[in-house]
């Protein structure tokens, strides 16, 4: 059984009812916050419910999270990314900043929109 989480495409995202995939030109990738593209993954939902039931509500280790991400990337994307090469961030904005910082050189120009939550 395939999952929409495994291989998202622009076409599959256009079928989402949220406004962000329908308000801009097709060549604009909407990366703003607060408009989830997917429902909560059933496995994550169950894991969260189990953690609350067991009163395990403390943060896990970054190493555990990176190991899980590495395994998922290898399984789904067939790319071997060592856990040591995965960096956790506090959200989309720091992640985008890091990506821009590592993909550009001093003097390169990038467009940054005002940070805001769209209605």
N, C-alpha and C. Protein backbone atom coordinates (compact mmCIF):
# COMPACT_ATOMS: atom_id res chain seq x y z
N UNK A 1 0.85 -1.18 0.00
CA UNK A 1 0.00 0.00 0.00
C UNK A 1 0.89 1.24 0.00
N UNK A 2 0.70 2.10 -0.95
CA UNK A 2 1.52 3.31 -1.00
C UNK A 2 0.91 4.39 -0.11
N UNK A 3 1.77 5.29 0.30
CA UNK A 3 1.36 6.36 1.19
C UNK A 3 1.67 7.70 0.54
N UNK A 4 0.82 8.72 0.72
CA UNK A 4 1.13 10.04 0.16
C UNK A 4 2.37 10.66 0.79
N UNK A 5 2.85 10.08 1.91
CA UNK A 5 4.05 10.60 2.56
C UNK A 5 5.31 10.15 1.84
N UNK A 6 5.24 9.05 1.08
CA UNK A 6 6.44 8.46 0.50
C UNK A 6 7.01 9.23 -0.68
N UNK A 7 6.19 9.59 -1.63
CA UNK A 7 6.68 10.26 -2.83
C UNK A 7 5.75 11.39 -3.24
N UNK A 8 5.79 12.50 -2.51
CA UNK A 8 4.90 13.61 -2.88
C UNK A 8 5.32 14.21 -4.22
N UNK A 9 4.34 14.62 -4.98
CA UNK A 9 4.58 15.29 -6.25
C UNK A 9 3.81 16.60 -6.26
N UNK A 10 4.18 17.47 -7.18
CA UNK A 10 3.42 18.72 -7.33
C UNK A 10 1.95 18.39 -7.61
N UNK A 11 1.73 17.39 -8.47
CA UNK A 11 0.36 17.03 -8.81
C UNK A 11 -0.42 16.56 -7.58
N UNK A 12 0.23 15.75 -6.73
CA UNK A 12 -0.48 15.29 -5.53
C UNK A 12 -0.75 16.44 -4.58
N UNK A 13 0.12 17.41 -4.53
CA UNK A 13 -0.07 18.56 -3.65
C UNK A 13 -1.17 19.46 -4.19
N UNK A 14 -1.33 19.54 -5.50
CA UNK A 14 -2.40 20.37 -6.07
C UNK A 14 -3.78 19.84 -5.72
N UNK A 15 -3.86 18.57 -5.34
CA UNK A 15 -5.16 18.01 -4.96
C UNK A 15 -5.52 18.33 -3.51
N UNK A 16 -4.59 18.92 -2.77
CA UNK A 16 -4.84 19.29 -1.38
C UNK A 16 -5.80 20.48 -1.35
N UNK A 17 -6.70 20.50 -0.40
CA UNK A 17 -7.70 21.56 -0.35
C UNK A 17 -7.17 22.88 0.19
N UNK A 18 -6.00 22.89 0.81
CA UNK A 18 -5.46 24.13 1.37
C UNK A 18 -5.21 25.18 0.30
N UNK A 19 -5.27 26.43 0.71
CA UNK A 19 -5.15 27.56 -0.23
C UNK A 19 -3.76 27.71 -0.81
N UNK A 20 -2.73 27.32 -0.09
CA UNK A 20 -1.39 27.67 -0.53
C UNK A 20 -1.00 27.05 -1.86
N UNK A 21 -1.60 25.94 -2.24
CA UNK A 21 -1.23 25.31 -3.51
C UNK A 21 -2.07 25.83 -4.68
N UNK A 22 -2.94 26.79 -4.42
CA UNK A 22 -3.82 27.27 -5.48
C UNK A 22 -3.76 28.77 -5.69
N UNK A 23 -2.96 29.48 -4.93
CA UNK A 23 -2.98 30.93 -5.01
C UNK A 23 -1.84 31.52 -5.81
N UNK A 24 -0.79 30.74 -6.09
CA UNK A 24 0.38 31.28 -6.77
C UNK A 24 0.63 30.56 -8.09
N UNK A 25 1.53 31.11 -8.87
CA UNK A 25 1.89 30.52 -10.16
C UNK A 25 2.48 29.13 -9.94
N UNK A 26 2.39 28.29 -10.97
CA UNK A 26 2.84 26.91 -10.86
C UNK A 26 4.33 26.79 -10.58
N UNK A 27 5.11 27.81 -10.93
CA UNK A 27 6.56 27.70 -10.72
C UNK A 27 7.00 28.26 -9.37
N UNK A 28 6.07 28.59 -8.51
CA UNK A 28 6.39 29.06 -7.16
C UNK A 28 6.19 27.91 -6.18
N UNK A 29 7.23 27.62 -5.42
CA UNK A 29 7.14 26.57 -4.41
C UNK A 29 6.75 27.22 -3.09
N UNK A 30 5.56 26.93 -2.57
CA UNK A 30 5.11 27.58 -1.34
C UNK A 30 5.74 26.95 -0.11
N UNK A 31 6.65 27.67 0.53
CA UNK A 31 7.35 27.12 1.69
C UNK A 31 7.01 27.85 2.98
N UNK A 32 5.91 28.58 3.01
CA UNK A 32 5.58 29.30 4.23
C UNK A 32 4.97 28.35 5.26
N UNK A 33 4.79 28.88 6.45
CA UNK A 33 4.36 28.07 7.59
C UNK A 33 2.85 28.01 7.74
N UNK A 34 2.43 27.15 8.63
CA UNK A 34 1.06 27.11 9.16
C UNK A 34 0.00 26.66 8.17
N UNK A 35 0.38 25.88 7.17
CA UNK A 35 -0.60 25.30 6.27
C UNK A 35 -0.14 23.88 5.95
N UNK A 36 -0.40 22.93 6.85
CA UNK A 36 0.10 21.57 6.66
C UNK A 36 -0.41 20.96 5.35
N UNK A 37 0.48 20.25 4.69
CA UNK A 37 0.13 19.61 3.43
C UNK A 37 -0.50 18.23 3.62
N UNK A 38 -0.21 17.62 4.74
CA UNK A 38 -0.66 16.25 4.97
C UNK A 38 -1.40 16.14 6.29
N UNK A 39 -2.28 15.16 6.39
CA UNK A 39 -2.82 14.86 7.71
C UNK A 39 -1.70 14.25 8.54
N UNK A 40 -1.89 14.19 9.82
CA UNK A 40 -0.89 13.58 10.68
C UNK A 40 -0.72 12.11 10.30
N UNK A 41 0.51 11.71 10.08
CA UNK A 41 0.83 10.33 9.73
C UNK A 41 0.29 9.39 10.81
N UNK A 42 -0.42 8.33 10.44
CA UNK A 42 -1.02 7.44 11.44
C UNK A 42 0.00 6.88 12.44
N UNK A 43 1.19 6.54 11.97
CA UNK A 43 2.21 6.00 12.88
C UNK A 43 2.66 7.05 13.89
N UNK A 44 2.79 8.28 13.45
CA UNK A 44 3.18 9.36 14.37
C UNK A 44 2.05 9.63 15.36
N UNK A 45 0.83 9.65 14.86
CA UNK A 45 -0.31 9.88 15.74
C UNK A 45 -0.36 8.82 16.84
N UNK A 46 -0.20 7.55 16.46
CA UNK A 46 -0.25 6.48 17.46
C UNK A 46 0.91 6.57 18.43
N UNK A 47 2.10 6.91 17.92
CA UNK A 47 3.27 7.05 18.79
C UNK A 47 3.06 8.17 19.80
N UNK A 48 2.49 9.29 19.35
CA UNK A 48 2.20 10.39 20.27
C UNK A 48 1.18 9.99 21.33
N UNK A 49 0.13 9.31 20.91
CA UNK A 49 -0.88 8.85 21.86
C UNK A 49 -0.28 7.88 22.88
N UNK A 50 0.57 6.96 22.40
CA UNK A 50 1.23 6.02 23.31
C UNK A 50 2.12 6.75 24.30
N UNK A 51 2.87 7.74 23.82
CA UNK A 51 3.78 8.49 24.70
C UNK A 51 3.01 9.22 25.78
N UNK A 52 1.89 9.82 25.43
CA UNK A 52 1.07 10.53 26.43
C UNK A 52 0.50 9.53 27.43
N UNK A 53 0.01 8.41 26.92
CA UNK A 53 -0.56 7.38 27.81
C UNK A 53 0.48 6.86 28.79
N UNK A 54 1.73 6.74 28.34
CA UNK A 54 2.81 6.23 29.19
C UNK A 54 3.50 7.35 29.97
N UNK A 55 2.97 8.58 29.83
CA UNK A 55 3.54 9.77 30.48
C UNK A 55 5.00 9.98 30.11
N UNK A 56 5.34 9.62 28.88
CA UNK A 56 6.69 9.85 28.36
C UNK A 56 6.62 11.11 27.50
N UNK A 57 6.71 12.25 28.16
CA UNK A 57 6.55 13.52 27.44
C UNK A 57 7.80 14.38 27.49
N UNK A 58 8.95 13.75 27.74
CA UNK A 58 10.22 14.48 27.71
C UNK A 58 10.80 14.36 26.31
N UNK A 59 11.76 15.21 25.99
CA UNK A 59 12.39 15.15 24.68
C UNK A 59 13.29 13.94 24.57
N UNK A 60 13.29 13.29 23.42
CA UNK A 60 14.24 12.22 23.15
C UNK A 60 15.57 12.83 22.74
N UNK A 61 16.52 11.98 22.44
CA UNK A 61 17.83 12.51 22.06
C UNK A 61 17.87 12.86 20.58
N UNK A 62 18.70 13.83 20.24
CA UNK A 62 18.89 14.18 18.84
C UNK A 62 19.46 13.00 18.06
N UNK A 63 20.33 12.22 18.71
CA UNK A 63 20.95 11.07 18.03
C UNK A 63 19.88 10.06 17.61
N UNK A 64 18.91 9.80 18.47
CA UNK A 64 17.83 8.87 18.12
C UNK A 64 17.03 9.39 16.93
N UNK A 65 16.71 10.67 16.94
CA UNK A 65 15.94 11.26 15.84
C UNK A 65 16.72 11.19 14.54
N UNK A 66 18.01 11.51 14.58
CA UNK A 66 18.82 11.45 13.36
C UNK A 66 18.94 10.02 12.84
N UNK A 67 19.08 9.05 13.73
CA UNK A 67 19.14 7.65 13.31
C UNK A 67 17.85 7.25 12.59
N UNK A 68 16.70 7.65 13.14
CA UNK A 68 15.41 7.34 12.52
C UNK A 68 15.29 8.01 11.15
N UNK A 69 15.71 9.27 11.06
CA UNK A 69 15.64 9.99 9.78
C UNK A 69 16.53 9.33 8.75
N UNK A 70 17.73 8.94 9.15
CA UNK A 70 18.67 8.29 8.24
C UNK A 70 18.07 7.00 7.68
N UNK A 71 17.46 6.20 8.56
CA UNK A 71 16.84 4.94 8.13
C UNK A 71 15.68 5.19 7.18
N UNK A 72 14.87 6.22 7.46
CA UNK A 72 13.72 6.54 6.59
C UNK A 72 14.18 7.01 5.22
N UNK A 73 15.20 7.85 5.17
CA UNK A 73 15.71 8.35 3.89
C UNK A 73 16.26 7.19 3.05
N UNK A 74 16.94 6.26 3.70
CA UNK A 74 17.48 5.10 2.98
C UNK A 74 16.35 4.21 2.47
N UNK A 75 15.34 3.97 3.31
CA UNK A 75 14.23 3.10 2.93
C UNK A 75 13.37 3.70 1.83
N UNK A 76 13.00 4.96 1.99
CA UNK A 76 12.06 5.59 1.07
C UNK A 76 12.75 6.16 -0.17
N UNK A 77 13.85 6.87 0.05
CA UNK A 77 14.50 7.58 -1.05
C UNK A 77 15.68 6.82 -1.66
N UNK A 78 16.06 5.71 -1.04
CA UNK A 78 17.19 4.89 -1.53
C UNK A 78 18.48 5.70 -1.56
N UNK A 79 18.64 6.59 -0.58
CA UNK A 79 19.84 7.41 -0.46
C UNK A 79 20.44 7.13 0.91
N UNK A 80 21.74 6.82 0.93
CA UNK A 80 22.41 6.53 2.19
C UNK A 80 22.96 7.83 2.78
N UNK A 81 22.25 8.39 3.74
CA UNK A 81 22.68 9.61 4.41
C UNK A 81 23.03 9.24 5.85
N UNK A 82 24.31 9.31 6.22
CA UNK A 82 24.68 8.99 7.60
C UNK A 82 23.98 9.92 8.59
N UNK A 83 23.59 9.37 9.72
CA UNK A 83 22.93 10.18 10.75
C UNK A 83 23.78 11.38 11.15
N UNK A 84 25.09 11.23 11.08
CA UNK A 84 25.99 12.33 11.45
C UNK A 84 25.90 13.51 10.49
N UNK A 85 25.30 13.30 9.30
CA UNK A 85 25.16 14.37 8.32
C UNK A 85 23.79 15.03 8.37
N UNK A 86 22.95 14.63 9.31
CA UNK A 86 21.61 15.19 9.44
C UNK A 86 21.61 16.21 10.57
N UNK A 87 21.07 17.40 10.28
CA UNK A 87 21.01 18.45 11.29
C UNK A 87 19.55 18.74 11.62
N UNK A 88 19.23 18.73 12.89
CA UNK A 88 17.89 19.06 13.34
C UNK A 88 17.78 20.57 13.54
N UNK A 89 16.63 21.13 13.17
CA UNK A 89 16.40 22.56 13.39
C UNK A 89 15.11 22.73 14.18
N UNK A 90 14.87 23.96 14.60
CA UNK A 90 13.68 24.25 15.40
C UNK A 90 12.47 24.56 14.55
N UNK A 91 12.55 24.39 13.25
CA UNK A 91 11.41 24.66 12.40
C UNK A 91 11.83 24.97 10.99
N UNK A 92 10.85 25.38 10.19
CA UNK A 92 11.08 25.65 8.78
C UNK A 92 12.01 26.84 8.57
N UNK A 93 11.79 27.92 9.30
CA UNK A 93 12.59 29.13 9.08
C UNK A 93 14.07 28.89 9.31
N UNK A 94 14.49 28.31 10.43
CA UNK A 94 15.93 28.03 10.58
C UNK A 94 16.45 27.05 9.53
N UNK A 95 15.62 26.09 9.15
CA UNK A 95 16.03 25.14 8.12
C UNK A 95 16.25 25.81 6.78
N UNK A 96 15.35 26.72 6.41
CA UNK A 96 15.51 27.45 5.15
C UNK A 96 16.73 28.35 5.19
N UNK A 97 16.98 28.97 6.35
CA UNK A 97 18.16 29.82 6.49
C UNK A 97 19.43 28.99 6.30
N UNK A 98 19.48 27.83 6.94
CA UNK A 98 20.66 26.96 6.79
C UNK A 98 20.83 26.50 5.35
N UNK A 99 19.73 26.12 4.70
CA UNK A 99 19.82 25.68 3.31
C UNK A 99 20.33 26.80 2.41
N UNK A 100 19.80 28.01 2.59
CA UNK A 100 20.26 29.15 1.79
C UNK A 100 21.73 29.45 2.07
N UNK A 101 22.11 29.38 3.32
CA UNK A 101 23.50 29.67 3.70
C UNK A 101 24.47 28.69 3.06
N UNK A 102 24.08 27.43 2.98
CA UNK A 102 24.97 26.41 2.42
C UNK A 102 24.89 26.31 0.91
N UNK A 103 23.84 26.85 0.30
CA UNK A 103 23.68 26.75 -1.16
C UNK A 103 24.10 28.02 -1.89
N UNK A 104 24.48 29.05 -1.15
CA UNK A 104 24.86 30.31 -1.78
C UNK A 104 26.25 30.73 -1.31
N UNK A 105 26.79 31.70 -2.02
CA UNK A 105 28.09 32.26 -1.66
C UNK A 105 27.90 33.72 -1.28
N UNK A 106 28.86 34.29 -0.56
CA UNK A 106 28.76 35.72 -0.25
C UNK A 106 28.57 36.53 -1.53
N UNK A 107 27.59 37.44 -1.50
CA UNK A 107 27.29 38.27 -2.66
C UNK A 107 26.15 37.74 -3.51
N UNK A 108 25.80 36.45 -3.37
CA UNK A 108 24.65 35.92 -4.10
C UNK A 108 23.38 36.59 -3.58
N UNK A 109 22.40 36.71 -4.45
CA UNK A 109 21.14 37.32 -4.05
C UNK A 109 20.07 36.25 -3.90
N UNK A 110 19.26 36.38 -2.85
CA UNK A 110 18.11 35.51 -2.65
C UNK A 110 16.91 36.39 -2.28
N UNK A 111 15.73 35.90 -2.55
CA UNK A 111 14.51 36.63 -2.21
C UNK A 111 13.98 36.08 -0.89
N UNK A 112 13.74 36.96 0.06
CA UNK A 112 13.17 36.58 1.34
C UNK A 112 11.89 37.39 1.53
N UNK A 113 10.78 36.70 1.68
CA UNK A 113 9.51 37.41 1.88
C UNK A 113 9.33 37.74 3.36
N UNK A 114 8.40 38.64 3.63
CA UNK A 114 8.09 38.96 5.03
C UNK A 114 7.59 37.70 5.73
N UNK A 115 8.11 37.42 6.92
CA UNK A 115 7.56 36.26 7.64
C UNK A 115 6.18 36.60 8.17
N UNK A 116 5.20 35.80 7.80
CA UNK A 116 3.84 36.05 8.25
C UNK A 116 3.01 34.80 8.06
N UNK A 117 1.88 34.77 8.71
CA UNK A 117 0.93 33.68 8.54
C UNK A 117 -0.19 34.19 7.65
N UNK A 118 -0.37 33.53 6.52
CA UNK A 118 -1.40 33.95 5.58
C UNK A 118 -2.77 33.52 6.09
N UNK A 119 -3.80 34.28 5.74
CA UNK A 119 -5.15 33.90 6.20
C UNK A 119 -5.65 32.64 5.51
